[in-house]
Amino acid sequence: QNLLEPPTFDGWSGGPDWINRATLLGRYRLLGALLGGGEPYGQRVDPAAAARRHGAEDRASAARRLVEWMLDGQIEPPSAERVAAARGALDADRRGAAEALRDFARALALLPEYQLA
């Protein structure tokens, strides 16, 4: 896609029309790099800090906020089980909230609902 040069007057097609094996793999890699906390993006993308700025005071409220943002609050039954498992891992994680919430955000980003949100 060329920035500011859509292919039609309607813009770019969205949803499942632009997801294929190559673009999906690229999106997964970019999300891994953005949420990983390492180079080249470092700590510029911090899910815990973003949630705190929007009123989340603990891991549970931060996790709810991430689900709202990343999945539009819409979770299909198979993915709901995966979100519940990720929430359980988040609650059991003894690391700092920032690292645990990064892992939770990565788990959300792997869901089909995230790719179509």
PDB file of N, CA and C in Angstrom:
ATOM      1  N   GLN A   1       0.829  -1.176   0.000  1.00  0.00           N
ATOM      2  CA  GLN A   1       0.000   0.000   0.000  1.00  0.00           C
ATOM      3  C   GLN A   1       0.872   1.237   0.000  1.00  0.00           C
ATOM      4  N   ASN A   2       0.535   2.169  -0.817  1.00  0.00           N
ATOM      5  CA  ASN A   2       1.235   3.446  -0.835  1.00  0.00           C
ATOM      6  C   ASN A   2       0.475   4.432   0.042  1.00  0.00           C
ATOM      7  N   LEU A   3       1.198   5.009   0.971  1.00  0.00           N
ATOM      8  CA  LEU A   3       0.596   5.949   1.897  1.00  0.00           C
ATOM      9  C   LEU A   3      -0.078   7.084   1.137  1.00  0.00           C
ATOM     10  N   LEU A   4      -1.316   7.360   1.486  1.00  0.00           N
ATOM     11  CA  LEU A   4      -2.137   8.425   0.902  1.00  0.00           C
ATOM     12  C   LEU A   4      -2.464   8.209  -0.580  1.00  0.00           C
ATOM     13  N   GLU A   5      -2.293   6.988  -1.069  1.00  0.00           N
ATOM     14  CA  GLU A   5      -2.635   6.670  -2.454  1.00  0.00           C
ATOM     15  C   GLU A   5      -3.472   5.380  -2.504  1.00  0.00           C
ATOM     16  N   PRO A   6      -4.727   5.457  -2.070  1.00  0.00           N
ATOM     17  CA  PRO A   6      -5.554   4.248  -2.093  1.00  0.00           C
ATOM     18  C   PRO A   6      -5.819   3.789  -3.528  1.00  0.00           C
ATOM     19  N   PRO A   7      -6.076   2.495  -3.706  1.00  0.00           N
ATOM     20  CA  PRO A   7      -6.288   1.968  -5.048  1.00  0.00           C
ATOM     21  C   PRO A   7      -7.620   2.396  -5.668  1.00  0.00           C
ATOM     22  N   THR A   8      -8.594   2.758  -4.845  1.00  0.00           N
ATOM     23  CA  THR A   8      -9.903   3.186  -5.345  1.00  0.00           C
ATOM     24  C   THR A   8     -10.385   4.370  -4.513  1.00  0.00           C
ATOM     25  N   PHE A   9     -11.497   4.968  -4.925  1.00  0.00           N
ATOM     26  CA  PHE A   9     -12.072   6.065  -4.151  1.00  0.00           C
ATOM     27  C   PHE A   9     -12.589   5.588  -2.799  1.00  0.00           C
ATOM     28  N   ASP A  10     -12.919   4.302  -2.708  1.00  0.00           N
ATOM     29  CA  ASP A  10     -13.384   3.729  -1.447  1.00  0.00           C
ATOM     30  C   ASP A  10     -12.246   3.445  -0.480  1.00  0.00           C
ATOM     31  N   GLY A  11     -11.010   3.565  -0.931  1.00  0.00           N
ATOM     32  CA  GLY A  11      -9.864   3.281  -0.065  1.00  0.00           C
ATOM     33  C   GLY A  11      -9.397   1.847  -0.240  1.00  0.00           C
ATOM     34  N   TRP A  12      -8.812   1.331   0.799  1.00  0.00           N
ATOM     35  CA  TRP A  12      -8.296  -0.039   0.765  1.00  0.00           C
ATOM     36  C   TRP A  12      -9.346  -0.995   1.312  1.00  0.00           C
ATOM     37  N   SER A  13      -9.389  -2.189   0.745  1.00  0.00           N
ATOM     38  CA  SER A  13     -10.296  -3.191   1.292  1.00  0.00           C
ATOM     39  C   SER A  13      -9.736  -3.640   2.631  1.00  0.00           C
ATOM     40  N   GLY A  14     -10.601  -4.053   3.523  1.00  0.00           N
ATOM     41  CA  GLY A  14     -10.157  -4.439   4.856  1.00  0.00           C
ATOM     42  C   GLY A  14     -10.612  -5.842   5.207  1.00  0.00           C
ATOM     43  N   GLY A  15     -10.541  -6.137   6.491  1.00  0.00           N
ATOM     44  CA  GLY A  15     -10.958  -7.437   6.985  1.00  0.00           C
ATOM     45  C   GLY A  15     -10.208  -8.573   6.331  1.00  0.00           C
ATOM     46  N   PRO A  16     -10.907  -9.645   5.996  1.00  0.00           N
ATOM     47  CA  PRO A  16     -10.237 -10.834   5.458  1.00  0.00           C
ATOM     48  C   PRO A  16      -9.631 -10.615   4.075  1.00  0.00           C
ATOM     49  N   ASP A  17     -10.024  -9.546   3.352  1.00  0.00           N
ATOM     50  CA  ASP A  17      -9.497  -9.322   2.006  1.00  0.00           C
ATOM     51  C   ASP A  17      -7.996  -9.062   1.989  1.00  0.00           C
ATOM     52  N   TRP A  18      -7.439  -8.514   3.038  1.00  0.00           N
ATOM     53  CA  TRP A  18      -6.024  -8.168   3.006  1.00  0.00           C
ATOM     54  C   TRP A  18      -5.158  -9.087   3.862  1.00  0.00           C
ATOM     55  N   ILE A  19      -5.762 -10.142   4.398  1.00  0.00           N
ATOM     56  CA  ILE A  19      -4.991 -11.087   5.195  1.00  0.00           C
ATOM     57  C   ILE A  19      -4.676 -12.310   4.347  1.00  0.00           C
ATOM     58  N   ASN A  20      -3.395 -12.583   4.201  1.00  0.00           N
ATOM     59  CA  ASN A  20      -2.944 -13.805   3.550  1.00  0.00           C
ATOM     60  C   ASN A  20      -1.750 -14.334   4.326  1.00  0.00           C
ATOM     61  N   ARG A  21      -1.151 -15.428   3.868  1.00  0.00           N
ATOM     62  CA  ARG A  21      -0.048 -16.023   4.629  1.00  0.00           C
ATOM     63  C   ARG A  21       1.112 -15.051   4.831  1.00  0.00           C
ATOM     64  N   ALA A  22       1.462 -14.317   3.798  1.00  0.00           N
ATOM     65  CA  ALA A  22       2.612 -13.415   3.897  1.00  0.00           C
ATOM     66  C   ALA A  22       2.321 -12.233   4.815  1.00  0.00           C
ATOM     67  N   THR A  23       1.154 -11.610   4.650  1.00  0.00           N
ATOM     68  CA  THR A  23       0.864 -10.437   5.476  1.00  0.00           C
ATOM     69  C   THR A  23       0.630 -10.830   6.928  1.00  0.00           C
ATOM     70  N   LEU A  24       0.032 -11.987   7.162  1.00  0.00           N
ATOM     71  CA  LEU A  24      -0.205 -12.432   8.526  1.00  0.00           C
ATOM     72  C   LEU A  24       1.122 -12.699   9.230  1.00  0.00           C
ATOM     73  N   LEU A  25       2.038 -13.362   8.564  1.00  0.00           N
ATOM     74  CA  LEU A  25       3.351 -13.619   9.158  1.00  0.00           C
ATOM     75  C   LEU A  25       4.074 -12.295   9.445  1.00  0.00           C
ATOM     76  N   GLY A  26       3.994 -11.367   8.526  1.00  0.00           N
ATOM     77  CA  GLY A  26       4.611 -10.057   8.742  1.00  0.00           C
ATOM     78  C   GLY A  26       4.009  -9.329   9.929  1.00  0.00           C
ATOM     79  N   ARG A  27       2.694  -9.407  10.068  1.00  0.00           N
ATOM     80  CA  ARG A  27       2.028  -8.768  11.209  1.00  0.00           C
ATOM     81  C   ARG A  27       2.455  -9.409  12.521  1.00  0.00           C
ATOM     82  N   TYR A  28       2.544 -10.753  12.547  1.00  0.00           N
ATOM     83  CA  TYR A  28       2.986 -11.439  13.763  1.00  0.00           C
ATOM     84  C   TYR A  28       4.397 -11.022  14.145  1.00  0.00           C
ATOM     85  N   ARG A  29       5.278 -10.924  13.153  1.00  0.00           N
ATOM     86  CA  ARG A  29       6.659 -10.519  13.437  1.00  0.00           C
ATOM     87  C   ARG A  29       6.719  -9.085  13.954  1.00  0.00           C
ATOM     88  N   LEU A  30       5.969  -8.195  13.333  1.00  0.00           N
ATOM     89  CA  LEU A  30       5.961  -6.802  13.785  1.00  0.00           C
ATOM     90  C   LEU A  30       5.419  -6.698  15.209  1.00  0.00           C
ATOM     91  N   LEU A  31       4.329  -7.391  15.486  1.00  0.00           N
ATOM     92  CA  LEU A  31       3.760  -7.351  16.833  1.00  0.00           C
ATOM     93  C   LEU A  31       4.724  -7.924  17.857  1.00  0.00           C
ATOM     94  N   GLY A  32       5.404  -9.010  17.497  1.00  0.00           N
ATOM     95  CA  GLY A  32       6.399  -9.578  18.400  1.00  0.00           C
ATOM     96  C   GLY A  32       7.503  -8.579  18.707  1.00  0.00           C
ATOM     97  N   ALA A  33       7.962  -7.855  17.679  1.00  0.00           N
ATOM     98  CA  ALA A  33       9.008  -6.855  17.878  1.00  0.00           C
ATOM     99  C   ALA A  33       8.498  -5.672  18.696  1.00  0.00           C
ATOM    100  N   LEU A  34       7.283  -5.207  18.402  1.00  0.00           N
ATOM    101  CA  LEU A  34       6.725  -4.070  19.135  1.00  0.00           C
ATOM    102  C   LEU A  34       6.483  -4.391  20.600  1.00  0.00           C
ATOM    103  N   LEU A  35       5.969  -5.584  20.864  1.00  0.00           N
ATOM    104  CA  LEU A  35       5.608  -5.950  22.234  1.00  0.00           C
ATOM    105  C   LEU A  35       6.738  -6.640  22.980  1.00  0.00           C
ATOM    106  N   GLY A  36       7.820  -6.946  22.283  1.00  0.00           N
ATOM    107  CA  GLY A  36       8.917  -7.679  22.905  1.00  0.00           C
ATOM    108  C   GLY A  36       9.748  -6.873  23.885  1.00  0.00           C
ATOM    109  N   GLY A  37       9.754  -5.584  23.740  1.00  0.00           N
ATOM    110  CA  GLY A  37      10.531  -4.756  24.650  1.00  0.00           C
ATOM    111  C   GLY A  37      11.999  -4.647  24.271  1.00  0.00           C
ATOM    112  N   GLY A  38      12.412  -5.337  23.208  1.00  0.00           N
ATOM    113  CA  GLY A  38      13.810  -5.278  22.771  1.00  0.00           C
ATOM    114  C   GLY A  38      13.963  -4.362  21.573  1.00  0.00           C
ATOM    115  N   GLU A  39      15.097  -4.482  20.933  1.00  0.00           N
ATOM    116  CA  GLU A  39      15.365  -3.653  19.752  1.00  0.00           C
ATOM    117  C   GLU A  39      14.546  -4.136  18.574  1.00  0.00           C
ATOM    118  N   PRO A  40      14.164  -3.325  17.647  1.00  0.00           N
ATOM    119  CA  PRO A  40      14.520  -1.925  17.507  1.00  0.00           C
ATOM    120  C   PRO A  40      13.569  -0.968  18.223  1.00  0.00           C
ATOM    121  N   TYR A  41      12.502  -1.473  18.821  1.00  0.00           N
ATOM    122  CA  TYR A  41      11.491  -0.576  19.387  1.00  0.00           C
ATOM    123  C   TYR A  41      11.683  -0.301  20.866  1.00  0.00           C
ATOM    124  N   GLY A  42      12.441  -1.132  21.540  1.00  0.00           N
ATOM    125  CA  GLY A  42      12.709  -0.919  22.959  1.00  0.00           C
ATOM    126  C   GLY A  42      11.438  -0.907  23.784  1.00  0.00           C
ATOM    127  N   GLN A  43      11.349   0.025  24.689  1.00  0.00           N
ATOM    128  CA  GLN A  43      10.201   0.127  25.600  1.00  0.00           C
ATOM    129  C   GLN A  43       9.154   1.120  25.109  1.00  0.00           C
ATOM    130  N   ARG A  44       9.197   1.492  23.833  1.00  0.00           N
ATOM    131  CA  ARG A  44       8.253   2.496  23.322  1.00  0.00           C
ATOM    132  C   ARG A  44       6.813   2.011  23.335  1.00  0.00           C
ATOM    133  N   VAL A  45       6.601   0.715  23.222  1.00  0.00           N
ATOM    134  CA  VAL A  45       5.251   0.156  23.291  1.00  0.00           C
ATOM    135  C   VAL A  45       5.164  -0.582  24.620  1.00  0.00           C
ATOM    136  N   ASP A  46       4.420  -0.014  25.543  1.00  0.00           N
ATOM    137  CA  ASP A  46       4.313  -0.566  26.896  1.00  0.00           C
ATOM    138  C   ASP A  46       2.833  -0.717  27.261  1.00  0.00           C
ATOM    139  N   PRO A  47       2.276  -1.932  27.103  1.00  0.00           N
ATOM    140  CA  PRO A  47       0.853  -2.126  27.403  1.00  0.00           C
ATOM    141  C   PRO A  47       0.475  -1.753  28.833  1.00  0.00           C
ATOM    142  N   ALA A  48       1.357  -2.041  29.793  1.00  0.00           N
ATOM    143  CA  ALA A  48       1.043  -1.725  31.195  1.00  0.00           C
ATOM    144  C   ALA A  48       0.937  -0.219  31.399  1.00  0.00           C
ATOM    145  N   ALA A  49       1.861   0.535  30.832  1.00  0.00           N
ATOM    146  CA  ALA A  49       1.827   1.995  30.980  1.00  0.00           C
ATOM    147  C   ALA A  49       0.599   2.581  30.290  1.00  0.00           C
ATOM    148  N   ALA A  50       0.259   2.062  29.112  1.00  0.00           N
ATOM    149  CA  ALA A  50      -0.927   2.554  28.406  1.00  0.00           C
ATOM    150  C   ALA A  50      -2.180   2.293  29.223  1.00  0.00           C
ATOM    151  N   ALA A  51      -2.281   1.106  29.801  1.00  0.00           N
ATOM    152  CA  ALA A  51      -3.454   0.777  30.619  1.00  0.00           C
ATOM    153  C   ALA A  51      -3.523   1.673  31.853  1.00  0.00           C
ATOM    154  N   ARG A  52      -2.378   1.926  32.479  1.00  0.00           N
ATOM    155  CA  ARG A  52      -2.360   2.824  33.652  1.00  0.00           C
ATOM    156  C   ARG A  52      -2.831   4.225  33.283  1.00  0.00           C
ATOM    157  N   ARG A  53      -2.393   4.716  32.126  1.00  0.00           N
ATOM    158  CA  ARG A  53      -2.815   6.060  31.691  1.00  0.00           C
ATOM    159  C   ARG A  53      -4.329   6.141  31.496  1.00  0.00           C
ATOM    160  N   HIS A  54      -4.949   5.002  31.296  1.00  0.00           N
ATOM    161  CA  HIS A  54      -6.397   4.979  31.067  1.00  0.00           C
ATOM    162  C   HIS A  54      -7.152   4.383  32.248  1.00  0.00           C
ATOM    163  N   GLY A  55      -6.571   4.486  33.433  1.00  0.00           N
ATOM    164  CA  GLY A  55      -7.292   4.170  34.655  1.00  0.00           C
ATOM    165  C   GLY A  55      -7.132   2.768  35.202  1.00  0.00           C
ATOM    166  N   ALA A  56      -6.361   1.904  34.575  1.00  0.00           N
ATOM    167  CA  ALA A  56      -6.166   0.555  35.105  1.00  0.00           C
ATOM    168  C   ALA A  56      -5.186   0.623  36.274  1.00  0.00           C
ATOM    169  N   GLU A  57      -5.627   0.111  37.413  1.00  0.00           N
ATOM    170  CA  GLU A  57      -4.800   0.215  38.611  1.00  0.00           C
ATOM    171  C   GLU A  57      -4.110  -1.085  38.988  1.00  0.00           C
ATOM    172  N   ASP A  58      -4.531  -2.198  38.414  1.00  0.00           N
ATOM    173  CA  ASP A  58      -3.914  -3.486  38.727  1.00  0.00           C
ATOM    174  C   ASP A  58      -3.895  -4.356  37.480  1.00  0.00           C
ATOM    175  N   ARG A  59      -3.309  -5.548  37.596  1.00  0.00           N
ATOM    176  CA  ARG A  59      -3.185  -6.439  36.435  1.00  0.00           C
ATOM    177  C   ARG A  59      -4.544  -6.814  35.851  1.00  0.00           C
ATOM    178  N   ALA A  60      -5.507  -7.083  36.709  1.00  0.00           N
ATOM    179  CA  ALA A  60      -6.821  -7.512  36.221  1.00  0.00           C
ATOM    180  C   ALA A  60      -7.485  -6.409  35.394  1.00  0.00           C
ATOM    181  N   SER A  61      -7.455  -5.184  35.895  1.00  0.00           N
ATOM    182  CA  SER A  61      -8.082  -4.095  35.138  1.00  0.00           C
ATOM    183  C   SER A  61      -7.273  -3.773  33.884  1.00  0.00           C
ATOM    184  N   ALA A  62      -5.951  -3.913  33.944  1.00  0.00           N
ATOM    185  CA  ALA A  62      -5.125  -3.704  32.753  1.00  0.00           C
ATOM    186  C   ALA A  62      -5.439  -4.770  31.703  1.00  0.00           C
ATOM    187  N   ALA A  63      -5.616  -6.005  32.139  1.00  0.00           N
ATOM    188  CA  ALA A  63      -5.945  -7.085  31.202  1.00  0.00           C
ATOM    189  C   ALA A  63      -7.302  -6.827  30.543  1.00  0.00           C
ATOM    190  N   ARG A  64      -8.282  -6.396  31.325  1.00  0.00           N
ATOM    191  CA  ARG A  64      -9.597  -6.072  30.754  1.00  0.00           C
ATOM    192  C   ARG A  64      -9.472  -4.955  29.719  1.00  0.00           C
ATOM    193  N   ARG A  65      -8.678  -3.947  30.035  1.00  0.00           N
ATOM    194  CA  ARG A  65      -8.499  -2.820  29.116  1.00  0.00           C
ATOM    195  C   ARG A  65      -7.839  -3.300  27.815  1.00  0.00           C
ATOM    196  N   LEU A  66      -6.842  -4.158  27.905  1.00  0.00           N
ATOM    197  CA  LEU A  66      -6.186  -4.675  26.705  1.00  0.00           C
ATOM    198  C   LEU A  66      -7.151  -5.487  25.851  1.00  0.00           C
ATOM    199  N   VAL A  67      -8.004  -6.275  26.484  1.00  0.00           N
ATOM    200  CA  VAL A  67      -9.006  -7.046  25.731  1.00  0.00           C
ATOM    201  C   VAL A  67      -9.954  -6.090  25.021  1.00  0.00           C
ATOM    202  N   GLU A  68     -10.384  -5.037  25.695  1.00  0.00           N
ATOM    203  CA  GLU A  68     -11.271  -4.053  25.064  1.00  0.00           C
ATOM    204  C   GLU A  68     -10.597  -3.408  23.856  1.00  0.00           C
ATOM    205  N   TRP A  69      -9.347  -2.990  24.020  1.00  0.00           N
ATOM    206  CA  TRP A  69      -8.643  -2.305  22.934  1.00  0.00           C
ATOM    207  C   TRP A  69      -8.301  -3.226  21.781  1.00  0.00           C
ATOM    208  N   MET A  70      -7.758  -4.383  22.106  1.00  0.00           N
ATOM    209  CA  MET A  70      -7.203  -5.241  21.062  1.00  0.00           C
ATOM    210  C   MET A  70      -8.239  -6.116  20.381  1.00  0.00           C
ATOM    211  N   LEU A  71      -9.312  -6.438  21.090  1.00  0.00           N
ATOM    212  CA  LEU A  71     -10.319  -7.338  20.529  1.00  0.00           C
ATOM    213  C   LEU A  71     -11.685  -6.691  20.424  1.00  0.00           C
ATOM    214  N   ASP A  72     -11.768  -5.410  20.660  1.00  0.00           N
ATOM    215  CA  ASP A  72     -13.051  -4.697  20.660  1.00  0.00           C
ATOM    216  C   ASP A  72     -14.058  -5.347  21.598  1.00  0.00           C
ATOM    217  N   GLY A  73     -13.561  -6.077  22.593  1.00  0.00           N
ATOM    218  CA  GLY A  73     -14.436  -6.751  23.545  1.00  0.00           C
ATOM    219  C   GLY A  73     -15.185  -7.937  22.971  1.00  0.00           C
ATOM    220  N   GLN A  74     -14.944  -8.271  21.696  1.00  0.00           N
ATOM    221  CA  GLN A  74     -15.646  -9.362  21.019  1.00  0.00           C
ATOM    222  C   GLN A  74     -14.741 -10.593  20.970  1.00  0.00           C
ATOM    223  N   ILE A  75     -15.111 -11.626  21.696  1.00  0.00           N
ATOM    224  CA  ILE A  75     -14.303 -12.836  21.718  1.00  0.00           C
ATOM    225  C   ILE A  75     -15.195 -14.025  21.411  1.00  0.00           C
ATOM    226  N   GLU A  76     -14.847 -14.759  20.369  1.00  0.00           N
ATOM    227  CA  GLU A  76     -15.593 -15.969  20.014  1.00  0.00           C
ATOM    228  C   GLU A  76     -15.230 -17.082  20.994  1.00  0.00           C
ATOM    229  N   PRO A  77     -16.117 -18.084  21.183  1.00  0.00           N
ATOM    230  CA  PRO A  77     -15.880 -19.135  22.187  1.00  0.00           C
ATOM    231  C   PRO A  77     -14.511 -19.824  22.130  1.00  0.00           C
ATOM    232  N   PRO A  78     -14.002 -20.256  20.967  1.00  0.00           N
ATOM    233  CA  PRO A  78     -12.681 -20.908  21.022  1.00  0.00           C
ATOM    234  C   PRO A  78     -11.584 -19.957  21.524  1.00  0.00           C
ATOM    235  N   SER A  79     -11.663 -18.715  21.121  1.00  0.00           N
ATOM    236  CA  SER A  79     -10.660 -17.751  21.558  1.00  0.00           C
ATOM    237  C   SER A  79     -10.868 -17.349  23.011  1.00  0.00           C
ATOM    238  N   ALA A  80     -12.099 -17.387  23.483  1.00  0.00           N
ATOM    239  CA  ALA A  80     -12.375 -17.044  24.878  1.00  0.00           C
ATOM    240  C   ALA A  80     -11.611 -17.985  25.807  1.00  0.00           C
ATOM    241  N   GLU A  81     -11.499 -19.244  25.414  1.00  0.00           N
ATOM    242  CA  GLU A  81     -10.731 -20.204  26.223  1.00  0.00           C
ATOM    243  C   GLU A  81      -9.259 -19.824  26.242  1.00  0.00           C
ATOM    244  N   ARG A  82      -8.733 -19.394  25.107  1.00  0.00           N
ATOM    245  CA  ARG A  82      -7.325 -18.996  25.040  1.00  0.00           C
ATOM    246  C   ARG A  82      -7.082 -17.725  25.846  1.00  0.00           C
ATOM    247  N   VAL A  83      -8.040 -16.801  25.815  1.00  0.00           N
ATOM    248  CA  VAL A  83      -7.905 -15.576  26.612  1.00  0.00           C
ATOM    249  C   VAL A  83      -7.940 -15.929  28.096  1.00  0.00           C
ATOM    250  N   ALA A  84      -8.834 -16.839  28.468  1.00  0.00           N
ATOM    251  CA  ALA A  84      -8.916 -17.264  29.873  1.00  0.00           C
ATOM    252  C   ALA A  84      -7.604 -17.915  30.317  1.00  0.00           C
ATOM    253  N   ALA A  85      -7.007 -18.731  29.449  1.00  0.00           N
ATOM    254  CA  ALA A  85      -5.728 -19.363  29.782  1.00  0.00           C
ATOM    255  C   ALA A  85      -4.628 -18.307  29.924  1.00  0.00           C
ATOM    256  N   ALA A  86      -4.635 -17.329  29.024  1.00  0.00           N
ATOM    257  CA  ALA A  86      -3.640 -16.254  29.106  1.00  0.00           C
ATOM    258  C   ALA A  86      -3.844 -15.423  30.370  1.00  0.00           C
ATOM    259  N   ARG A  87      -5.115 -15.207  30.742  1.00  0.00           N
ATOM    260  CA  ARG A  87      -5.401 -14.478  31.994  1.00  0.00           C
ATOM    261  C   ARG A  87      -4.906 -15.257  33.195  1.00  0.00           C
ATOM    262  N   GLY A  88      -5.091 -16.584  33.174  1.00  0.00           N
ATOM    263  CA  GLY A  88      -4.586 -17.413  34.259  1.00  0.00           C
ATOM    264  C   GLY A  88      -3.071 -17.333  34.365  1.00  0.00           C
ATOM    265  N   ALA A  89      -2.398 -17.356  33.213  1.00  0.00           N
ATOM    266  CA  ALA A  89      -0.941 -17.223  33.210  1.00  0.00           C
ATOM    267  C   ALA A  89      -0.522 -15.850  33.718  1.00  0.00           C
ATOM    268  N   LEU A  90      -1.274 -14.831  33.347  1.00  0.00           N
ATOM    269  CA  LEU A  90      -0.976 -13.472  33.810  1.00  0.00           C
ATOM    270  C   LEU A  90      -1.109 -13.388  35.328  1.00  0.00           C
ATOM    271  N   ASP A  91      -2.179 -13.960  35.864  1.00  0.00           N
ATOM    272  CA  ASP A  91      -2.402 -13.910  37.305  1.00  0.00           C
ATOM    273  C   ASP A  91      -1.334 -14.682  38.075  1.00  0.00           C
ATOM    274  N   ALA A  92      -0.825 -15.777  37.480  1.00  0.00           N
ATOM    275  CA  ALA A  92       0.177 -16.604  38.150  1.00  0.00           C
ATOM    276  C   ALA A  92       1.601 -16.085  37.944  1.00  0.00           C
ATOM    277  N   ASP A  93       1.787 -15.192  37.001  1.00  0.00           N
ATOM    278  CA  ASP A  93       3.119 -14.695  36.655  1.00  0.00           C
ATOM    279  C   ASP A  93       3.689 -13.871  37.807  1.00  0.00           C
ATOM    280  N   ARG A  94       4.864 -14.218  38.246  1.00  0.00           N
ATOM    281  CA  ARG A  94       5.488 -13.522  39.376  1.00  0.00           C
ATOM    282  C   ARG A  94       6.417 -12.396  38.932  1.00  0.00           C
ATOM    283  N   ARG A  95       6.574 -12.215  37.622  1.00  0.00           N
ATOM    284  CA  ARG A  95       7.407 -11.114  37.144  1.00  0.00           C
ATOM    285  C   ARG A  95       6.667  -9.798  37.350  1.00  0.00           C
ATOM    286  N   GLY A  96       7.304  -8.740  37.015  1.00  0.00           N
ATOM    287  CA  GLY A  96       6.664  -7.435  37.105  1.00  0.00           C
ATOM    288  C   GLY A  96       5.473  -7.345  36.172  1.00  0.00           C
ATOM    289  N   ALA A  97       4.578  -6.445  36.478  1.00  0.00           N
ATOM    290  CA  ALA A  97       3.356  -6.295  35.689  1.00  0.00           C
ATOM    291  C   ALA A  97       3.666  -5.939  34.236  1.00  0.00           C
ATOM    292  N   ALA A  98       4.685  -5.125  34.021  1.00  0.00           N
ATOM    293  CA  ALA A  98       4.992  -4.690  32.650  1.00  0.00           C
ATOM    294  C   ALA A  98       5.331  -5.881  31.762  1.00  0.00           C
ATOM    295  N   GLU A  99       6.206  -6.767  32.226  1.00  0.00           N
ATOM    296  CA  GLU A  99       6.595  -7.931  31.414  1.00  0.00           C
ATOM    297  C   GLU A  99       5.432  -8.909  31.264  1.00  0.00           C
ATOM    298  N   ALA A 100       4.697  -9.137  32.333  1.00  0.00           N
ATOM    299  CA  ALA A 100       3.568 -10.064  32.274  1.00  0.00           C
ATOM    300  C   ALA A 100       2.497  -9.553  31.311  1.00  0.00           C
ATOM    301  N   LEU A 101       2.235  -8.247  31.330  1.00  0.00           N
ATOM    302  CA  LEU A 101       1.229  -7.688  30.439  1.00  0.00           C
ATOM    303  C   LEU A 101       1.701  -7.657  28.989  1.00  0.00           C
ATOM    304  N   ARG A 102       2.999  -7.554  28.767  1.00  0.00           N
ATOM    305  CA  ARG A 102       3.523  -7.684  27.402  1.00  0.00           C
ATOM    306  C   ARG A 102       3.205  -9.068  26.848  1.00  0.00           C
ATOM    307  N   ASP A 103       3.448 -10.091  27.667  1.00  0.00           N
ATOM    308  CA  ASP A 103       3.150 -11.461  27.227  1.00  0.00           C
ATOM    309  C   ASP A 103       1.658 -11.646  26.991  1.00  0.00           C
ATOM    310  N   PHE A 104       0.837 -11.067  27.841  1.00  0.00           N
ATOM    311  CA  PHE A 104      -0.614 -11.160  27.669  1.00  0.00           C
ATOM    312  C   PHE A 104      -1.034 -10.481  26.368  1.00  0.00           C
ATOM    313  N   ALA A 105      -0.493  -9.301  26.095  1.00  0.00           N
ATOM    314  CA  ALA A 105      -0.813  -8.590  24.850  1.00  0.00           C
ATOM    315  C   ALA A 105      -0.368  -9.402  23.634  1.00  0.00           C
ATOM    316  N   ARG A 106       0.802 -10.055  23.712  1.00  0.00           N
ATOM    317  CA  ARG A 106       1.254 -10.911  22.602  1.00  0.00           C
ATOM    318  C   ARG A 106       0.285 -12.062  22.388  1.00  0.00           C
ATOM    319  N   ALA A 107      -0.204 -12.644  23.475  1.00  0.00           N
ATOM    320  CA  ALA A 107      -1.169 -13.745  23.351  1.00  0.00           C
ATOM    321  C   ALA A 107      -2.451 -13.254  22.676  1.00  0.00           C
ATOM    322  N   LEU A 108      -2.908 -12.060  23.029  1.00  0.00           N
ATOM    323  CA  LEU A 108      -4.105 -11.504  22.395  1.00  0.00           C
ATOM    324  C   LEU A 108      -3.868 -11.240  20.911  1.00  0.00           C
ATOM    325  N   ALA A 109      -2.667 -10.777  20.584  1.00  0.00           N
ATOM    326  CA  ALA A 109      -2.357 -10.436  19.195  1.00  0.00           C
ATOM    327  C   ALA A 109      -2.323 -11.660  18.283  1.00  0.00           C
ATOM    328  N   LEU A 110      -2.200 -12.839  18.850  1.00  0.00           N
ATOM    329  CA  LEU A 110      -2.185 -14.063  18.043  1.00  0.00           C
ATOM    330  C   LEU A 110      -3.588 -14.576  17.725  1.00  0.00           C
ATOM    331  N   LEU A 111      -4.596 -13.993  18.327  1.00  0.00           N
ATOM    332  CA  LEU A 111      -5.971 -14.452  18.115  1.00  0.00           C
ATOM    333  C   LEU A 111      -6.535 -13.936  16.787  1.00  0.00           C
ATOM    334  N   PRO A 112      -7.371 -14.746  16.137  1.00  0.00           N
ATOM    335  CA  PRO A 112      -7.991 -14.282  14.886  1.00  0.00           C
ATOM    336  C   PRO A 112      -8.796 -12.999  15.067  1.00  0.00           C
ATOM    337  N   GLU A 113      -9.448 -12.844  16.207  1.00  0.00           N
ATOM    338  CA  GLU A 113     -10.243 -11.644  16.454  1.00  0.00           C
ATOM    339  C   GLU A 113      -9.390 -10.381  16.421  1.00  0.00           C
ATOM    340  N   TYR A 114      -8.138 -10.491  16.866  1.00  0.00           N
ATOM    341  CA  TYR A 114      -7.255  -9.331  16.828  1.00  0.00           C
ATOM    342  C   TYR A 114      -6.935  -8.966  15.386  1.00  0.00           C
ATOM    343  N   GLN A 115      -6.677  -9.955  14.573  1.00  0.00           N
ATOM    344  CA  GLN A 115      -6.309  -9.696  13.182  1.00  0.00           C
ATOM    345  C   GLN A 115      -7.464  -9.043  12.422  1.00  0.00           C
ATOM    346  N   LEU A 116      -8.685  -9.283  12.833  1.00  0.00           N
ATOM    347  CA  LEU A 116      -9.847  -8.731  12.141  1.00  0.00           C
ATOM    348  C   LEU A 116     -10.474  -7.530  12.859  1.00  0.00           C
ATOM    349  N   ALA A 117      -9.951  -7.198  14.043  1.00  0.00           N
ATOM    350  CA  ALA A 117     -10.533  -6.092  14.813  1.00  0.00           C
ATOM    351  C   ALA A 117     -10.252  -4.765  14.150  1.00  0.00           C
TER     352      ALA A 117
END
